[in-house]
Amino acid sequence: MRTCPKCKKRISPLYFGTACRSCGADLMYYHFEERLAEDARKAAAQEEKGRRLLNKLPLHRKNSGLKNNNNTDII
C-alpha cells in the first residue's frame, strides 16, 4: 500500500490517479524540487567519480605530454 505524502492516508496500489482522493495533493509532483535537488547532487557526485577515473588514464589527462603542432586531431 502507498500513502499520501501530505495527509498520510493509504492509497490503493490499483489507484493510478495523480491526485490524492482525500486531500487533493498531486502525488507525482509533491516535493518535486527537493527530489530534483537530490538528483542533481547525486549526478554531480557521479560525474566527479567518473572524472577522477578518467584522470587516471594517461590519454585523458589535460597535460598528458602529447603536443599537436599542426592543428590536426590525434586519433
N, C-alpha and C. Protein backbone atom coordinates (compact mmCIF):
# COMPACT_ATOMS: atom_id res chain seq x y z
N MET A 1 0.83 -1.18 0.00
CA MET A 1 0.00 0.00 0.00
C MET A 1 0.88 1.25 0.00
N ARG A 2 0.50 2.21 -0.77
CA ARG A 2 1.17 3.50 -0.77
C ARG A 2 0.45 4.43 0.18
N THR A 3 1.12 5.50 0.57
CA THR A 3 0.48 6.51 1.41
C THR A 3 0.67 7.87 0.76
N CYS A 4 -0.26 8.75 1.04
CA CYS A 4 -0.18 10.12 0.54
C CYS A 4 0.90 10.85 1.32
N PRO A 5 1.81 11.58 0.67
CA PRO A 5 2.87 12.28 1.40
C PRO A 5 2.35 13.46 2.22
N LYS A 6 1.16 13.96 1.90
CA LYS A 6 0.63 15.12 2.60
C LYS A 6 -0.25 14.73 3.78
N CYS A 7 -1.27 13.88 3.55
CA CYS A 7 -2.22 13.54 4.61
C CYS A 7 -1.96 12.17 5.23
N LYS A 8 -1.01 11.41 4.69
CA LYS A 8 -0.60 10.10 5.21
C LYS A 8 -1.71 9.05 5.17
N LYS A 9 -2.73 9.22 4.33
CA LYS A 9 -3.76 8.20 4.19
C LYS A 9 -3.31 7.16 3.19
N ARG A 10 -3.81 5.96 3.34
CA ARG A 10 -3.46 4.87 2.44
C ARG A 10 -4.07 5.07 1.06
N ILE A 11 -3.29 4.70 0.06
CA ILE A 11 -3.74 4.76 -1.33
C ILE A 11 -3.62 3.35 -1.89
N SER A 12 -4.64 2.91 -2.54
CA SER A 12 -4.66 1.57 -3.11
C SER A 12 -3.57 1.42 -4.16
N PRO A 13 -2.93 0.26 -4.24
CA PRO A 13 -1.93 0.05 -5.29
C PRO A 13 -2.55 0.03 -6.68
N LEU A 14 -3.85 -0.14 -6.76
CA LEU A 14 -4.54 -0.14 -8.05
C LEU A 14 -5.03 1.24 -8.46
N TYR A 15 -4.82 2.25 -7.62
CA TYR A 15 -5.21 3.61 -7.95
C TYR A 15 -4.08 4.25 -8.75
N PHE A 16 -4.35 4.60 -9.99
CA PHE A 16 -3.33 5.14 -10.89
C PHE A 16 -3.50 6.63 -11.14
N GLY A 17 -4.32 7.29 -10.34
CA GLY A 17 -4.51 8.73 -10.49
C GLY A 17 -3.30 9.50 -9.99
N THR A 18 -3.26 10.78 -10.31
CA THR A 18 -2.12 11.59 -9.90
C THR A 18 -2.42 12.44 -8.69
N ALA A 19 -3.68 12.48 -8.23
CA ALA A 19 -4.04 13.29 -7.07
C ALA A 19 -4.63 12.40 -5.99
N CYS A 20 -4.36 12.76 -4.74
CA CYS A 20 -4.91 12.02 -3.60
C CYS A 20 -6.42 12.26 -3.56
N ARG A 21 -7.18 11.23 -3.29
CA ARG A 21 -8.63 11.36 -3.25
C ARG A 21 -9.11 12.11 -2.02
N SER A 22 -8.35 12.05 -0.93
CA SER A 22 -8.83 12.69 0.29
C SER A 22 -8.40 14.15 0.43
N CYS A 23 -7.18 14.48 0.07
CA CYS A 23 -6.72 15.87 0.25
C CYS A 23 -6.45 16.59 -1.07
N GLY A 24 -6.35 15.88 -2.17
CA GLY A 24 -6.13 16.50 -3.47
C GLY A 24 -4.68 16.82 -3.79
N ALA A 25 -3.75 16.35 -2.99
CA ALA A 25 -2.33 16.62 -3.25
C ALA A 25 -1.89 15.89 -4.52
N ASP A 26 -1.08 16.57 -5.31
CA ASP A 26 -0.56 15.97 -6.53
C ASP A 26 0.53 14.98 -6.16
N LEU A 27 0.32 13.71 -6.39
CA LEU A 27 1.24 12.67 -5.95
C LEU A 27 2.52 12.63 -6.76
N MET A 28 2.46 13.02 -8.01
CA MET A 28 3.65 12.97 -8.85
C MET A 28 4.62 14.12 -8.54
N TYR A 29 4.10 15.29 -8.26
CA TYR A 29 4.95 16.47 -8.12
C TYR A 29 5.06 16.97 -6.68
N TYR A 30 4.64 16.18 -5.70
CA TYR A 30 4.78 16.57 -4.31
C TYR A 30 6.25 16.46 -3.93
N HIS A 31 6.84 17.49 -3.39
CA HIS A 31 8.27 17.58 -3.05
C HIS A 31 9.15 17.41 -4.29
N PHE A 32 8.70 17.90 -5.41
CA PHE A 32 9.43 17.74 -6.67
C PHE A 32 10.77 18.47 -6.63
N GLU A 33 10.80 19.69 -6.06
CA GLU A 33 12.03 20.47 -6.03
C GLU A 33 13.10 19.79 -5.18
N GLU A 34 12.68 19.20 -4.05
CA GLU A 34 13.65 18.53 -3.19
C GLU A 34 14.22 17.29 -3.87
N ARG A 35 13.35 16.54 -4.57
CA ARG A 35 13.83 15.35 -5.28
C ARG A 35 14.74 15.73 -6.43
N LEU A 36 14.43 16.84 -7.09
CA LEU A 36 15.27 17.31 -8.20
C LEU A 36 16.64 17.76 -7.69
N ALA A 37 16.67 18.45 -6.55
CA ALA A 37 17.95 18.87 -5.98
C ALA A 37 18.78 17.67 -5.54
N GLU A 38 18.14 16.67 -4.95
CA GLU A 38 18.85 15.46 -4.54
C GLU A 38 19.42 14.72 -5.75
N ASP A 39 18.65 14.68 -6.83
CA ASP A 39 19.12 14.04 -8.05
C ASP A 39 20.31 14.79 -8.64
N ALA A 40 20.28 16.11 -8.56
CA ALA A 40 21.41 16.91 -9.07
C ALA A 40 22.66 16.65 -8.24
N ARG A 41 22.51 16.52 -6.91
CA ARG A 41 23.67 16.22 -6.07
C ARG A 41 24.25 14.85 -6.41
N LYS A 42 23.38 13.87 -6.63
CA LYS A 42 23.85 12.53 -6.98
C LYS A 42 24.55 12.53 -8.33
N ALA A 43 24.01 13.28 -9.30
CA ALA A 43 24.64 13.35 -10.62
C ALA A 43 26.00 14.03 -10.55
N ALA A 44 26.13 15.06 -9.74
CA ALA A 44 27.42 15.74 -9.60
C ALA A 44 28.45 14.82 -8.96
N ALA A 45 28.01 14.02 -7.99
CA ALA A 45 28.94 13.08 -7.35
C ALA A 45 29.38 12.01 -8.34
N GLN A 46 28.47 11.51 -9.15
CA GLN A 46 28.82 10.51 -10.17
C GLN A 46 29.75 11.10 -11.22
N GLU A 47 29.52 12.36 -11.60
CA GLU A 47 30.38 12.99 -12.59
C GLU A 47 31.79 13.16 -12.04
N GLU A 48 31.90 13.56 -10.78
CA GLU A 48 33.21 13.71 -10.16
C GLU A 48 33.93 12.37 -10.06
N LYS A 49 33.20 11.33 -9.75
CA LYS A 49 33.79 9.99 -9.67
C LYS A 49 34.30 9.55 -11.05
N GLY A 50 33.51 9.80 -12.09
CA GLY A 50 33.95 9.45 -13.45
C GLY A 50 35.13 10.28 -13.89
N ARG A 51 35.13 11.57 -13.51
CA ARG A 51 36.25 12.45 -13.88
C ARG A 51 37.54 11.99 -13.22
N ARG A 52 37.45 11.58 -11.94
CA ARG A 52 38.64 11.08 -11.25
C ARG A 52 39.15 9.80 -11.90
N LEU A 53 38.23 8.95 -12.34
CA LEU A 53 38.61 7.71 -13.01
C LEU A 53 39.29 8.00 -14.34
N LEU A 54 38.74 8.94 -15.12
CA LEU A 54 39.34 9.28 -16.41
C LEU A 54 40.69 9.98 -16.25
N ASN A 55 40.85 10.75 -15.18
CA ASN A 55 42.13 11.43 -14.97
C ASN A 55 43.26 10.46 -14.66
N LYS A 56 42.93 9.25 -14.26
CA LYS A 56 43.96 8.24 -14.02
C LYS A 56 44.51 7.68 -15.32
N LEU A 57 43.75 7.79 -16.40
CA LEU A 57 44.20 7.31 -17.70
C LEU A 57 45.13 8.34 -18.33
N PRO A 58 46.22 7.93 -18.95
CA PRO A 58 47.20 8.89 -19.46
C PRO A 58 46.69 9.71 -20.65
N LEU A 59 45.83 9.21 -21.47
CA LEU A 59 45.38 9.96 -22.65
C LEU A 59 44.29 10.96 -22.33
N HIS A 60 43.66 10.88 -21.18
CA HIS A 60 42.58 11.80 -20.83
C HIS A 60 43.02 12.91 -19.90
N ARG A 61 44.26 12.92 -19.50
CA ARG A 61 44.74 13.99 -18.65
C ARG A 61 44.91 15.25 -19.47
N LYS A 62 44.77 16.38 -18.82
CA LYS A 62 44.92 17.65 -19.52
C LYS A 62 46.35 17.85 -20.00
N ASN A 63 47.30 17.51 -19.17
CA ASN A 63 48.72 17.68 -19.51
C ASN A 63 49.35 16.31 -19.69
N SER A 64 48.93 15.62 -20.73
CA SER A 64 49.42 14.25 -20.92
C SER A 64 50.77 14.20 -21.62
N GLY A 65 51.29 15.33 -22.07
CA GLY A 65 52.58 15.33 -22.72
C GLY A 65 52.49 15.21 -24.23
N LEU A 66 51.31 14.98 -24.78
CA LEU A 66 51.14 14.91 -26.23
C LEU A 66 50.87 16.30 -26.76
N LYS A 67 51.72 16.76 -27.63
CA LYS A 67 51.55 18.08 -28.23
C LYS A 67 51.20 17.90 -29.69
N ASN A 68 50.28 18.69 -30.16
CA ASN A 68 49.83 18.64 -31.54
C ASN A 68 50.19 19.97 -32.18
N ASN A 69 51.21 19.98 -33.02
CA ASN A 69 51.72 21.22 -33.57
C ASN A 69 51.03 21.65 -34.85
N ASN A 70 50.43 20.74 -35.60
CA ASN A 70 49.88 21.11 -36.89
C ASN A 70 48.34 21.24 -36.87
N ASN A 71 47.74 21.41 -35.70
CA ASN A 71 46.31 21.62 -35.53
C ASN A 71 45.44 20.54 -36.15
N THR A 72 45.87 19.31 -36.13
CA THR A 72 45.03 18.19 -36.55
C THR A 72 44.73 17.35 -35.32
N ASP A 73 43.60 16.70 -35.33
CA ASP A 73 43.21 15.89 -34.18
C ASP A 73 43.99 14.60 -34.13
N ILE A 74 44.35 14.20 -32.94
CA ILE A 74 45.02 12.92 -32.73
C ILE A 74 43.94 11.87 -32.54
N ILE A 75 44.02 10.83 -33.29
CA ILE A 75 43.01 9.78 -33.22
C ILE A 75 43.57 8.58 -32.52
